[in-house]
Amino acid sequence: MKVDFQFKNIILLILFNLFLIHTIHSQTMRQLEAQAVNEYREIDEELNIAYKKILLMYDDDYEFIEALRSSQRNWIKFRDSEVKMKYPKEDRLYYGSSYRMCVNYYLAELTNKRIKTLNQWIDGTEEGDVCSGSIRISSLNNQNIDNPFADYSFTPPKPAPPQEIELIEDEELIEEDIVEISDPELEQEVAEVEDIEVEEFEEDVEVPFAVVEDAPIFLGCSGSNQARKKCMSQKISRHVNRKFDIALAEELGLSGRLRISVIFKINKNGDIVEVRARAPHPRLEKEAIRVIKSLPKMKPGRQKGKPVTVQYALPISFVIQ
C-alpha cells in the first residue's frame, strides 16, 4: 500500500509539472503574440502617417495623387495575397499555436518595405536625376534647406502684383524663342567657353547629372565636383528667374501653384540640346524650352576622363495669386 501511495504521488507530481509547463508556455505564447500584434499596429500607423504626408506634400499634382491612391489600394491587395501565399491552409491549427504571431510579424515586414518605398517621395531625390519621375527634388520637400532663390520675386511686364517663383534645383522648364543674354559678364564668359577644345570621344555616351564623375562646368563655377554641381544649379536658377515670363501664366488665366518639368542634355561639346518640357499649358512648355535653350555654352561633363553628354532634369514651380 505504501508503494502504491508513493507511486500515485509521483504520477501527480509529473502531471502537475506538465500542467505548469503548459501554463507557462501558453502565457509566453500569448505575450509573444501580443508583442507581434503591437509591433504590426505601430508599423501600420507609421505607414498611414507616411501616406497622409505624401498626400499633403503633393496635393497640387492631381495625376500623381490619383496614381498614389490606386497604388496603395493595390498594395493592400498584394499584402494580403502575400500572407495568403505564405499561410494558404484554411485551418489555422495546421500552423500551430504560433500562427497569429507569425502572421503579424510577416505583416510588419511587408509594411516596413512599403514605408521605405513611400519615403522616396518624402525624402525627395538628388538634383539632376532624370529617372526621378514624380519624385521631387529634395530641396523642394525640405523647407530647412537654404535656397537663395526661394524668395526671388518676378514683376510681370504689365501692371500687376509681383509673383513669387520657387525655383527647384534641377527642375525648370523653358521655351523656343532664344533670348540673347544681356548680362555682360555672361557674354564674356560665353566667348571664353567657345574657345575650349573638346576631346573627341568615339561613343556618344549619356550619363545622368546625379552620377557623372565630372559635372559640366557652368561659367564662373569652380571647386570640387559637388561644389560645381551646386554652383551650376544656382546659376541655372538665376538664369530662369531673369528670363522666364511669369506673366504668361496670368494671360492664360491660370492660377494657384503651377509646376513645369524640363529635361535637357548638355552634349559633349557643351551645348544645350534635346530640351523637353511638360507644363499645364503648351505655351508654358514653349516658354520653358526657350529659356533653357538660352543658357550659355558650358564646359562638357566627363566620364572616365572623356567628354560625355549629361542628362539634366529641372523643375520650375511658381504661384499665381
C-alpha atoms as a PDB file:
ATOM      1  CA  MET A   1       0.000   0.000   0.000  1.00  0.00           C
ATOM      2  CA  LYS A   2       2.829   2.377   0.822  1.00  0.00           C
ATOM      3  CA  VAL A   3       4.458   1.738  -2.543  1.00  0.00           C
ATOM      4  CA  ASP A   4       1.174   2.400  -4.328  1.00  0.00           C
ATOM      5  CA  PHE A   5       0.797   5.674  -2.415  1.00  0.00           C
ATOM      6  CA  GLN A   6       4.304   6.842  -3.370  1.00  0.00           C
ATOM      7  CA  PHE A   7       3.678   5.867  -6.991  1.00  0.00           C
ATOM      8  CA  LYS A   8       0.498   7.920  -7.031  1.00  0.00           C
ATOM      9  CA  ASN A   9       2.365  10.906  -5.594  1.00  0.00           C
ATOM     10  CA  ILE A  10       4.985  10.633  -8.338  1.00  0.00           C
ATOM     11  CA  ILE A  11       2.287  10.488 -11.018  1.00  0.00           C
ATOM     12  CA  LEU A  12       0.551  13.531  -9.537  1.00  0.00           C
ATOM     13  CA  LEU A  13       3.843  15.426  -9.392  1.00  0.00           C
ATOM     14  CA  ILE A  14       4.556  14.659 -13.033  1.00  0.00           C
ATOM     15  CA  LEU A  15       1.085  15.749 -14.061  1.00  0.00           C
ATOM     16  CA  PHE A  16       1.419  18.962 -12.062  1.00  0.00           C
ATOM     17  CA  ASN A  17       4.759  19.751 -13.704  1.00  0.00           C
ATOM     18  CA  LEU A  18       3.304  19.105 -17.133  1.00  0.00           C
ATOM     19  CA  PHE A  19       0.380  21.375 -16.326  1.00  0.00           C
ATOM     20  CA  LEU A  20       2.753  24.071 -15.058  1.00  0.00           C
ATOM     21  CA  ILE A  21       4.926  23.846 -18.177  1.00  0.00           C
ATOM     22  CA  HIS A  22       1.857  24.053 -20.380  1.00  0.00           C
ATOM     23  CA  THR A  23       0.576  27.090 -18.482  1.00  0.00           C
ATOM     24  CA  ILE A  24       3.920  28.885 -18.706  1.00  0.00           C
ATOM     25  CA  HIS A  25       4.193  28.056 -22.395  1.00  0.00           C
ATOM     26  CA  SER A  26       0.675  29.356 -23.021  1.00  0.00           C
ATOM     27  CA  GLN A  27       1.403  32.583 -21.180  1.00  0.00           C
ATOM     28  CA  THR A  28       4.687  33.017 -23.069  1.00  0.00           C
ATOM     29  CA  MET A  29       2.974  32.452 -26.429  1.00  0.00           C
ATOM     30  CA  ARG A  30       0.256  34.974 -25.560  1.00  0.00           C
ATOM     31  CA  GLN A  31       2.915  37.508 -24.637  1.00  0.00           C
ATOM     32  CA  LEU A  32       4.825  36.914 -27.878  1.00  0.00           C
ATOM     33  CA  GLU A  33       1.601  37.117 -29.842  1.00  0.00           C
ATOM     34  CA  ALA A  34       0.651  40.383 -28.164  1.00  0.00           C
ATOM     35  CA  GLN A  35       4.118  41.756 -28.882  1.00  0.00           C
ATOM     36  CA  ALA A  36       3.803  40.848 -32.565  1.00  0.00           C
ATOM     37  CA  VAL A  37       0.337  42.408 -32.801  1.00  0.00           C
ATOM     38  CA  ASN A  38       1.529  45.641 -31.162  1.00  0.00           C
ATOM     39  CA  GLU A  39       4.578  45.821 -33.419  1.00  0.00           C
ATOM     40  CA  TYR A  40       2.447  45.474 -36.532  1.00  0.00           C
ATOM     41  CA  ARG A  41      -0.028  48.093 -35.304  1.00  0.00           C
ATOM     42  CA  GLU A  42       2.780  50.584 -34.695  1.00  0.00           C
ATOM     43  CA  ILE A  43       4.302  49.981 -38.130  1.00  0.00           C
ATOM     44  CA  ASP A  44       0.893  50.180 -39.779  1.00  0.00           C
ATOM     45  CA  GLU A  45       0.385  53.557 -38.108  1.00  0.00           C
ATOM     46  CA  GLU A  46       3.768  54.701 -39.492  1.00  0.00           C
ATOM     47  CA  LEU A  47       2.576  53.703 -42.943  1.00  0.00           C
ATOM     48  CA  ASN A  48      -0.615  55.733 -42.555  1.00  0.00           C
ATOM     49  CA  ILE A  49       1.393  58.769 -41.433  1.00  0.00           C
ATOM     50  CA  ALA A  50       3.755  58.489 -44.412  1.00  0.00           C
ATOM     51  CA  TYR A  51       0.847  58.076 -46.834  1.00  0.00           C
ATOM     52  CA  LYS A  52      -1.019  61.102 -45.474  1.00  0.00           C
ATOM     53  CA  LYS A  53       2.155  63.180 -45.507  1.00  0.00           C
ATOM     54  CA  ILE A  54       2.674  62.473 -49.212  1.00  0.00           C
ATOM     55  CA  LEU A  55      -0.938  63.427 -49.925  1.00  0.00           C
ATOM     56  CA  LEU A  56      -0.278  66.827 -48.331  1.00  0.00           C
ATOM     57  CA  MET A  57       3.148  67.358 -49.921  1.00  0.00           C
ATOM     58  CA  TYR A  58       1.936  66.559 -53.445  1.00  0.00           C
ATOM     59  CA  ASP A  59      -1.597  67.927 -53.207  1.00  0.00           C
ATOM     60  CA  ASP A  60      -1.013  70.087 -56.318  1.00  0.00           C
ATOM     61  CA  ASP A  61      -0.116  67.096 -58.505  1.00  0.00           C
ATOM     62  CA  TYR A  62      -3.535  65.586 -59.170  1.00  0.00           C
ATOM     63  CA  GLU A  63      -2.369  62.857 -61.531  1.00  0.00           C
ATOM     64  CA  PHE A  64       0.184  61.629 -59.011  1.00  0.00           C
ATOM     65  CA  ILE A  65      -2.328  61.703 -56.134  1.00  0.00           C
ATOM     66  CA  GLU A  66      -4.733  59.509 -58.113  1.00  0.00           C
ATOM     67  CA  ALA A  67      -1.900  57.139 -59.003  1.00  0.00           C
ATOM     68  CA  LEU A  68      -0.781  57.030 -55.356  1.00  0.00           C
ATOM     69  CA  ARG A  69      -4.253  56.131 -54.124  1.00  0.00           C
ATOM     70  CA  SER A  70      -4.553  53.400 -56.734  1.00  0.00           C
ATOM     71  CA  SER A  71      -1.110  52.101 -55.817  1.00  0.00           C
ATOM     72  CA  GLN A  72      -1.983  51.988 -52.123  1.00  0.00           C
ATOM     73  CA  ARG A  73      -5.190  50.045 -52.782  1.00  0.00           C
ATOM     74  CA  ASN A  74      -3.307  47.581 -54.961  1.00  0.00           C
ATOM     75  CA  TRP A  75      -0.529  47.258 -52.383  1.00  0.00           C
ATOM     76  CA  ILE A  76      -3.071  46.273 -49.690  1.00  0.00           C
ATOM     77  CA  LYS A  77      -4.334  43.545 -52.010  1.00  0.00           C
ATOM     78  CA  PHE A  78      -0.754  42.473 -52.656  1.00  0.00           C
ATOM     79  CA  ARG A  79      -0.001  42.386 -48.909  1.00  0.00           C
ATOM     80  CA  ASP A  80      -2.999  40.193 -48.178  1.00  0.00           C
ATOM     81  CA  SER A  81      -2.120  37.924 -51.104  1.00  0.00           C
ATOM     82  CA  GLU A  82       1.415  37.525 -49.795  1.00  0.00           C
ATOM     83  CA  VAL A  83       0.115  36.435 -46.399  1.00  0.00           C
ATOM     84  CA  LYS A  84      -2.317  34.023 -48.065  1.00  0.00           C
ATOM     85  CA  MET A  85       0.512  32.576 -50.162  1.00  0.00           C
ATOM     86  CA  LYS A  86       2.697  32.009 -47.094  1.00  0.00           C
ATOM     87  CA  TYR A  87      -0.131  30.526 -44.978  1.00  0.00           C
ATOM     88  CA  PRO A  88      -2.587  29.015 -47.518  1.00  0.00           C
ATOM     89  CA  LYS A  89      -4.286  26.487 -45.219  1.00  0.00           C
ATOM     90  CA  GLU A  90      -7.783  27.408 -44.095  1.00  0.00           C
ATOM     91  CA  ASP A  91      -7.284  25.500 -40.857  1.00  0.00           C
ATOM     92  CA  ARG A  92      -5.072  27.741 -38.759  1.00  0.00           C
ATOM     93  CA  LEU A  93      -4.348  24.921 -36.316  1.00  0.00           C
ATOM     94  CA  TYR A  94      -2.256  23.386 -39.095  1.00  0.00           C
ATOM     95  CA  TYR A  95       0.439  26.015 -38.370  1.00  0.00           C
ATOM     96  CA  GLY A  96       0.361  25.569 -34.601  1.00  0.00           C
ATOM     97  CA  SER A  97      -0.184  27.992 -31.770  1.00  0.00           C
ATOM     98  CA  SER A  98       2.321  30.496 -33.166  1.00  0.00           C
ATOM     99  CA  TYR A  99       0.201  31.198 -36.265  1.00  0.00           C
ATOM    100  CA  ARG A 100      -1.121  34.607 -35.243  1.00  0.00           C
ATOM    101  CA  MET A 101       2.274  35.755 -34.010  1.00  0.00           C
ATOM    102  CA  CYS A 102       3.945  34.727 -37.279  1.00  0.00           C
ATOM    103  CA  VAL A 103       1.286  36.399 -39.420  1.00  0.00           C
ATOM    104  CA  ASN A 104       1.657  39.720 -37.593  1.00  0.00           C
ATOM    105  CA  TYR A 105       5.432  39.648 -37.861  1.00  0.00           C
ATOM    106  CA  TYR A 106       5.125  38.972 -41.586  1.00  0.00           C
ATOM    107  CA  LEU A 107       2.624  41.821 -41.972  1.00  0.00           C
ATOM    108  CA  ALA A 108       5.069  44.104 -40.162  1.00  0.00           C
ATOM    109  CA  GLU A 109       7.868  43.038 -42.516  1.00  0.00           C
ATOM    110  CA  LEU A 110       5.789  43.743 -45.635  1.00  0.00           C
ATOM    111  CA  THR A 111       4.598  47.079 -44.260  1.00  0.00           C
ATOM    112  CA  ASN A 112       8.149  48.159 -43.462  1.00  0.00           C
ATOM    113  CA  LYS A 113       9.105  47.607 -47.094  1.00  0.00           C
ATOM    114  CA  ARG A 114       6.149  49.720 -48.217  1.00  0.00           C
ATOM    115  CA  ILE A 115       7.178  52.543 -45.884  1.00  0.00           C
ATOM    116  CA  LYS A 116      10.689  52.531 -47.373  1.00  0.00           C
ATOM    117  CA  THR A 117       9.160  52.796 -50.836  1.00  0.00           C
ATOM    118  CA  LEU A 118       6.881  55.714 -49.910  1.00  0.00           C
ATOM    119  CA  ASN A 119       9.720  57.520 -48.137  1.00  0.00           C
ATOM    120  CA  GLN A 120      11.292  58.134 -51.552  1.00  0.00           C
ATOM    121  CA  TRP A 121       8.559  60.701 -52.226  1.00  0.00           C
ATOM    122  CA  ILE A 122       9.004  62.243 -48.779  1.00  0.00           C
ATOM    123  CA  ASP A 123      12.806  62.442 -48.816  1.00  0.00           C
ATOM    124  CA  GLY A 124      12.992  63.521 -52.453  1.00  0.00           C
ATOM    125  CA  THR A 125      15.717  62.766 -54.961  1.00  0.00           C
ATOM    126  CA  GLU A 126      19.040  64.303 -55.908  1.00  0.00           C
ATOM    127  CA  GLU A 127      19.091  67.146 -58.404  1.00  0.00           C
ATOM    128  CA  GLY A 128      19.677  66.051 -61.969  1.00  0.00           C
ATOM    129  CA  ASP A 129      18.120  62.607 -61.530  1.00  0.00           C
ATOM    130  CA  VAL A 130      16.418  62.078 -64.896  1.00  0.00           C
ATOM    131  CA  CYS A 131      14.739  58.881 -63.656  1.00  0.00           C
ATOM    132  CA  SER A 132      13.016  60.528 -60.675  1.00  0.00           C
ATOM    133  CA  GLY A 133       9.601  60.595 -62.335  1.00  0.00           C
ATOM    134  CA  SER A 134       7.064  62.031 -59.895  1.00  0.00           C
ATOM    135  CA  ILE A 135       9.603  62.163 -57.033  1.00  0.00           C
ATOM    136  CA  ARG A 136      10.520  65.769 -56.440  1.00  0.00           C
ATOM    137  CA  ILE A 137      13.956  67.214 -55.832  1.00  0.00           C
ATOM    138  CA  SER A 138      14.826  67.004 -52.143  1.00  0.00           C
ATOM    139  CA  SER A 139      15.237  70.778 -51.848  1.00  0.00           C
ATOM    140  CA  LEU A 140      11.509  71.126 -52.632  1.00  0.00           C
ATOM    141  CA  ASN A 141      10.474  68.712 -49.922  1.00  0.00           C
ATOM    142  CA  ASN A 142      12.773  70.096 -47.222  1.00  0.00           C
ATOM    143  CA  GLN A 143      11.840  73.573 -46.091  1.00  0.00           C
ATOM    144  CA  ASN A 144      15.015  73.807 -43.978  1.00  0.00           C
ATOM    145  CA  ILE A 145      17.340  73.683 -46.971  1.00  0.00           C
ATOM    146  CA  ASP A 146      18.867  77.073 -47.710  1.00  0.00           C
ATOM    147  CA  ASN A 147      17.617  78.096 -51.165  1.00  0.00           C
ATOM    148  CA  PRO A 148      18.984  81.514 -52.153  1.00  0.00           C
ATOM    149  CA  PHE A 149      16.208  81.894 -54.744  1.00  0.00           C
ATOM    150  CA  ALA A 150      13.237  80.816 -52.652  1.00  0.00           C
ATOM    151  CA  ASP A 151      12.122  84.401 -52.070  1.00  0.00           C
ATOM    152  CA  TYR A 152      13.004  85.745 -55.503  1.00  0.00           C
ATOM    153  CA  SER A 153      10.132  87.829 -56.920  1.00  0.00           C
ATOM    154  CA  PHE A 154       9.212  88.449 -60.538  1.00  0.00           C
ATOM    155  CA  THR A 155       7.473  91.613 -61.670  1.00  0.00           C
ATOM    156  CA  PRO A 156       5.386  90.981 -64.805  1.00  0.00           C
ATOM    157  CA  PRO A 157       5.829  93.464 -67.653  1.00  0.00           C
ATOM    158  CA  LYS A 158       2.236  94.699 -67.316  1.00  0.00           C
ATOM    159  CA  PRO A 159       0.945  96.413 -64.152  1.00  0.00           C
ATOM    160  CA  ALA A 160       0.250  93.613 -61.739  1.00  0.00           C
ATOM    161  CA  PRO A 161       1.383  92.480 -58.289  1.00  0.00           C
ATOM    162  CA  PRO A 162       4.775  90.755 -58.436  1.00  0.00           C
ATOM    163  CA  GLN A 163       4.563  86.973 -58.355  1.00  0.00           C
ATOM    164  CA  GLU A 164       6.845  84.674 -56.458  1.00  0.00           C
ATOM    165  CA  ILE A 165       8.527  81.887 -58.323  1.00  0.00           C
ATOM    166  CA  GLU A 166      10.032  78.995 -56.460  1.00  0.00           C
ATOM    167  CA  LEU A 167      12.915  77.500 -58.369  1.00  0.00           C
ATOM    168  CA  ILE A 168      13.831  73.932 -57.714  1.00  0.00           C
ATOM    169  CA  GLU A 169      17.380  72.926 -58.304  1.00  0.00           C
ATOM    170  CA  ASP A 170      17.288  70.797 -61.368  1.00  0.00           C
ATOM    171  CA  GLU A 171      13.621  71.365 -62.183  1.00  0.00           C
ATOM    172  CA  GLU A 172      12.909  74.169 -64.608  1.00  0.00           C
ATOM    173  CA  LEU A 173      11.215  74.463 -67.945  1.00  0.00           C
ATOM    174  CA  ILE A 174      11.756  76.785 -70.816  1.00  0.00           C
ATOM    175  CA  GLU A 175      10.992  77.688 -74.463  1.00  0.00           C
ATOM    176  CA  GLU A 176      11.956  78.194 -78.046  1.00  0.00           C
ATOM    177  CA  ASP A 177      12.471  81.884 -78.859  1.00  0.00           C
ATOM    178  CA  ILE A 178      16.116  82.063 -77.931  1.00  0.00           C
ATOM    179  CA  VAL A 179      16.763  85.128 -75.809  1.00  0.00           C
ATOM    180  CA  GLU A 180      20.060  86.953 -76.074  1.00  0.00           C
ATOM    181  CA  ILE A 181      21.783  87.197 -72.713  1.00  0.00           C
ATOM    182  CA  SER A 182      22.142  90.840 -71.780  1.00  0.00           C
ATOM    183  CA  ASP A 183      24.462  90.230 -68.850  1.00  0.00           C
ATOM    184  CA  PRO A 184      27.929  91.488 -70.000  1.00  0.00           C
ATOM    185  CA  GLU A 185      29.653  89.122 -67.583  1.00  0.00           C
ATOM    186  CA  LEU A 186      27.865  86.119 -69.054  1.00  0.00           C
ATOM    187  CA  GLU A 187      28.545  87.256 -72.622  1.00  0.00           C
ATOM    188  CA  GLN A 188      32.241  87.478 -71.888  1.00  0.00           C
ATOM    189  CA  GLU A 189      32.219  84.030 -70.254  1.00  0.00           C
ATOM    190  CA  VAL A 190      30.433  82.518 -73.254  1.00  0.00           C
ATOM    191  CA  ALA A 191      33.151  83.767 -75.558  1.00  0.00           C
ATOM    192  CA  GLU A 192      35.730  82.070 -73.386  1.00  0.00           C
ATOM    193  CA  VAL A 193      33.883  78.748 -73.410  1.00  0.00           C
ATOM    194  CA  GLU A 194      33.630  78.737 -77.203  1.00  0.00           C
ATOM    195  CA  ASP A 195      37.412  78.576 -77.351  1.00  0.00           C
ATOM    196  CA  ILE A 196      37.536  75.327 -75.348  1.00  0.00           C
ATOM    197  CA  GLU A 197      38.919  72.419 -77.298  1.00  0.00           C
ATOM    198  CA  VAL A 198      36.793  69.351 -76.665  1.00  0.00           C
ATOM    199  CA  GLU A 199      38.413  65.967 -76.937  1.00  0.00           C
ATOM    200  CA  GLU A 200      36.613  63.703 -79.367  1.00  0.00           C
ATOM    201  CA  PHE A 201      35.014  60.608 -77.873  1.00  0.00           C
ATOM    202  CA  GLU A 202      34.220  57.705 -80.104  1.00  0.00           C
ATOM    203  CA  GLU A 203      30.995  56.678 -78.357  1.00  0.00           C
ATOM    204  CA  ASP A 204      28.073  59.029 -77.746  1.00  0.00           C
ATOM    205  CA  VAL A 205      27.756  58.188 -74.053  1.00  0.00           C
ATOM    206  CA  GLU A 206      24.959  59.736 -71.972  1.00  0.00           C
ATOM    207  CA  VAL A 207      25.290  59.956 -68.183  1.00  0.00           C
ATOM    208  CA  PRO A 208      22.730  61.324 -65.653  1.00  0.00           C
ATOM    209  CA  PHE A 209      23.834  64.513 -63.897  1.00  0.00           C
ATOM    210  CA  ALA A 210      23.483  62.857 -60.481  1.00  0.00           C
ATOM    211  CA  VAL A 211      26.157  60.221 -61.174  1.00  0.00           C
ATOM    212  CA  VAL A 212      28.546  61.800 -63.705  1.00  0.00           C
ATOM    213  CA  GLU A 213      32.140  61.740 -62.457  1.00  0.00           C
ATOM    214  CA  ASP A 214      32.907  65.323 -63.552  1.00  0.00           C
ATOM    215  CA  ALA A 215      29.820  67.518 -63.909  1.00  0.00           C
ATOM    216  CA  PRO A 216      29.522  70.081 -66.712  1.00  0.00           C
ATOM    217  CA  ILE A 217      31.030  73.415 -65.703  1.00  0.00           C
ATOM    218  CA  PHE A 218      28.816  76.487 -65.860  1.00  0.00           C
ATOM    219  CA  LEU A 219      30.709  79.718 -66.469  1.00  0.00           C
ATOM    220  CA  GLY A 220      32.145  81.060 -63.248  1.00  0.00           C
ATOM    221  CA  CYS A 221      31.828  77.790 -61.283  1.00  0.00           C
ATOM    222  CA  SER A 222      34.866  76.103 -59.768  1.00  0.00           C
ATOM    223  CA  GLY A 223      35.992  73.892 -56.901  1.00  0.00           C
ATOM    224  CA  SER A 224      35.133  70.260 -56.213  1.00  0.00           C
ATOM    225  CA  ASN A 225      32.691  68.296 -58.354  1.00  0.00           C
ATOM    226  CA  GLN A 226      29.970  68.712 -55.710  1.00  0.00           C
ATOM    227  CA  ALA A 227      30.665  72.443 -55.441  1.00  0.00           C
ATOM    228  CA  ARG A 228      30.466  72.836 -59.217  1.00  0.00           C
ATOM    229  CA  LYS A 229      27.162  70.955 -59.267  1.00  0.00           C
ATOM    230  CA  LYS A 230      25.679  73.253 -56.631  1.00  0.00           C
ATOM    231  CA  CYS A 231      27.028  76.347 -58.386  1.00  0.00           C
ATOM    232  CA  MET A 232      25.603  75.150 -61.706  1.00  0.00           C
ATOM    233  CA  SER A 233      22.143  74.624 -60.190  1.00  0.00           C
ATOM    234  CA  GLN A 234      22.211  78.090 -58.644  1.00  0.00           C
ATOM    235  CA  LYS A 235      23.268  79.741 -61.889  1.00  0.00           C
ATOM    236  CA  ILE A 236      20.578  77.938 -63.852  1.00  0.00           C
ATOM    237  CA  SER A 237      18.016  79.040 -61.246  1.00  0.00           C
ATOM    238  CA  ARG A 238      19.191  82.657 -61.519  1.00  0.00           C
ATOM    239  CA  HIS A 239      19.023  82.485 -65.318  1.00  0.00           C
ATOM    240  CA  VAL A 240      15.453  81.164 -65.240  1.00  0.00           C
ATOM    241  CA  ASN A 241      14.417  83.798 -62.718  1.00  0.00           C
ATOM    242  CA  ARG A 242      15.636  86.519 -65.077  1.00  0.00           C
ATOM    243  CA  LYS A 243      14.328  85.081 -68.335  1.00  0.00           C
ATOM    244  CA  PHE A 244      11.076  83.254 -67.609  1.00  0.00           C
ATOM    245  CA  ASP A 245       7.951  85.301 -68.390  1.00  0.00           C
ATOM    246  CA  ILE A 246       5.672  84.501 -65.470  1.00  0.00           C
ATOM    247  CA  ALA A 247       3.061  86.951 -66.777  1.00  0.00           C
ATOM    248  CA  LEU A 248       2.286  84.412 -69.488  1.00  0.00           C
ATOM    249  CA  ALA A 249       0.504  82.229 -66.934  1.00  0.00           C
ATOM    250  CA  GLU A 250      -1.756  85.147 -65.984  1.00  0.00           C
ATOM    251  CA  GLU A 251      -2.550  85.822 -69.638  1.00  0.00           C
ATOM    252  CA  LEU A 252      -3.609  82.183 -69.970  1.00  0.00           C
ATOM    253  CA  GLY A 253      -5.974  82.559 -66.986  1.00  0.00           C
ATOM    254  CA  LEU A 254      -4.068  80.078 -64.836  1.00  0.00           C
ATOM    255  CA  SER A 255      -3.875  80.381 -61.050  1.00  0.00           C
ATOM    256  CA  GLY A 256      -2.544  78.608 -57.973  1.00  0.00           C
ATOM    257  CA  ARG A 257       0.711  76.678 -57.822  1.00  0.00           C
ATOM    258  CA  LEU A 258       1.972  75.763 -61.277  1.00  0.00           C
ATOM    259  CA  ARG A 259       4.667  73.191 -61.935  1.00  0.00           C
ATOM    260  CA  ILE A 260       6.736  72.772 -65.086  1.00  0.00           C
ATOM    261  CA  SER A 261       9.132  69.861 -65.589  1.00  0.00           C
ATOM    262  CA  VAL A 262      12.049  70.126 -68.009  1.00  0.00           C
ATOM    263  CA  ILE A 263      14.599  67.587 -69.180  1.00  0.00           C
ATOM    264  CA  PHE A 264      17.537  68.583 -71.357  1.00  0.00           C
ATOM    265  CA  LYS A 265      21.024  67.444 -72.260  1.00  0.00           C
ATOM    266  CA  ILE A 266      24.422  69.101 -72.225  1.00  0.00           C
ATOM    267  CA  ASN A 267      26.247  67.387 -75.067  1.00  0.00           C
ATOM    268  CA  LYS A 268      29.950  66.599 -75.244  1.00  0.00           C
ATOM    269  CA  ASN A 269      30.549  69.967 -76.912  1.00  0.00           C
ATOM    270  CA  GLY A 270      28.907  71.820 -74.004  1.00  0.00           C
ATOM    271  CA  ASP A 271      25.775  72.794 -75.962  1.00  0.00           C
ATOM    272  CA  ILE A 272      22.210  72.622 -74.606  1.00  0.00           C
ATOM    273  CA  VAL A 273      20.282  70.118 -76.735  1.00  0.00           C
ATOM    274  CA  GLU A 274      17.105  67.994 -76.765  1.00  0.00           C
ATOM    275  CA  VAL A 275      15.111  70.242 -74.445  1.00  0.00           C
ATOM    276  CA  ARG A 276      11.732  68.777 -73.471  1.00  0.00           C
ATOM    277  CA  ALA A 277       9.093  70.266 -71.176  1.00  0.00           C
ATOM    278  CA  ARG A 278       5.808  69.302 -69.559  1.00  0.00           C
ATOM    279  CA  ALA A 279       3.514  72.025 -68.216  1.00  0.00           C
ATOM    280  CA  PRO A 280      -0.195  72.780 -67.588  1.00  0.00           C
ATOM    281  CA  HIS A 281      -0.332  74.644 -70.929  1.00  0.00           C
ATOM    282  CA  PRO A 282       1.576  74.245 -74.240  1.00  0.00           C
ATOM    283  CA  ARG A 283       2.618  77.907 -74.207  1.00  0.00           C
ATOM    284  CA  LEU A 284       4.249  77.439 -70.808  1.00  0.00           C
ATOM    285  CA  GLU A 285       6.115  74.440 -72.218  1.00  0.00           C
ATOM    286  CA  LYS A 286       7.301  76.593 -75.123  1.00  0.00           C
ATOM    287  CA  GLU A 287       8.417  79.361 -72.783  1.00  0.00           C
ATOM    288  CA  ALA A 288      10.314  76.904 -70.605  1.00  0.00           C
ATOM    289  CA  ILE A 289      12.115  75.432 -73.610  1.00  0.00           C
ATOM    290  CA  ARG A 290      13.019  78.919 -74.829  1.00  0.00           C
ATOM    291  CA  VAL A 291      14.606  79.887 -71.533  1.00  0.00           C
ATOM    292  CA  ILE A 292      16.627  76.679 -71.195  1.00  0.00           C
ATOM    293  CA  LYS A 293      17.859  76.962 -74.776  1.00  0.00           C
ATOM    294  CA  SER A 294      19.182  80.421 -73.966  1.00  0.00           C
ATOM    295  CA  LEU A 295      21.557  79.011 -71.336  1.00  0.00           C
ATOM    296  CA  PRO A 296      25.220  79.771 -72.152  1.00  0.00           C
ATOM    297  CA  LYS A 297      27.598  77.187 -73.544  1.00  0.00           C
ATOM    298  CA  MET A 298      29.260  75.093 -70.826  1.00  0.00           C
ATOM    299  CA  LYS A 299      32.366  73.034 -70.438  1.00  0.00           C
ATOM    300  CA  PRO A 300      31.129  69.465 -71.041  1.00  0.00           C
ATOM    301  CA  GLY A 301      30.908  66.808 -68.364  1.00  0.00           C
ATOM    302  CA  ARG A 302      33.412  63.951 -68.302  1.00  0.00           C
ATOM    303  CA  GLN A 303      33.237  60.268 -67.513  1.00  0.00           C
ATOM    304  CA  LYS A 304      36.498  58.313 -67.181  1.00  0.00           C
ATOM    305  CA  GLY A 305      38.347  61.353 -68.490  1.00  0.00           C
ATOM    306  CA  LYS A 306      36.307  61.601 -71.713  1.00  0.00           C
ATOM    307  CA  PRO A 307      33.676  64.255 -72.593  1.00  0.00           C
ATOM    308  CA  VAL A 308      30.137  62.847 -72.463  1.00  0.00           C
ATOM    309  CA  THR A 309      26.542  64.002 -72.875  1.00  0.00           C
ATOM    310  CA  VAL A 310      24.931  64.713 -69.494  1.00  0.00           C
ATOM    311  CA  GLN A 311      21.174  64.431 -68.867  1.00  0.00           C
ATOM    312  CA  TYR A 312      19.687  67.060 -66.569  1.00  0.00           C
ATOM    313  CA  ALA A 313      16.199  67.301 -65.025  1.00  0.00           C
ATOM    314  CA  LEU A 314      14.892  70.693 -63.930  1.00  0.00           C
ATOM    315  CA  PRO A 315      11.530  71.533 -62.299  1.00  0.00           C
ATOM    316  CA  ILE A 316      10.047  75.047 -62.110  1.00  0.00           C
ATOM    317  CA  SER A 317       7.350  75.831 -59.559  1.00  0.00           C
ATOM    318  CA  PHE A 318       5.614  79.169 -59.042  1.00  0.00           C
ATOM    319  CA  VAL A 319       2.359  80.551 -57.651  1.00  0.00           C
ATOM    320  CA  ILE A 320      -0.145  82.778 -59.450  1.00  0.00           C
ATOM    321  CA  GLN A 321      -2.438  84.552 -56.983  1.00  0.00           C
END
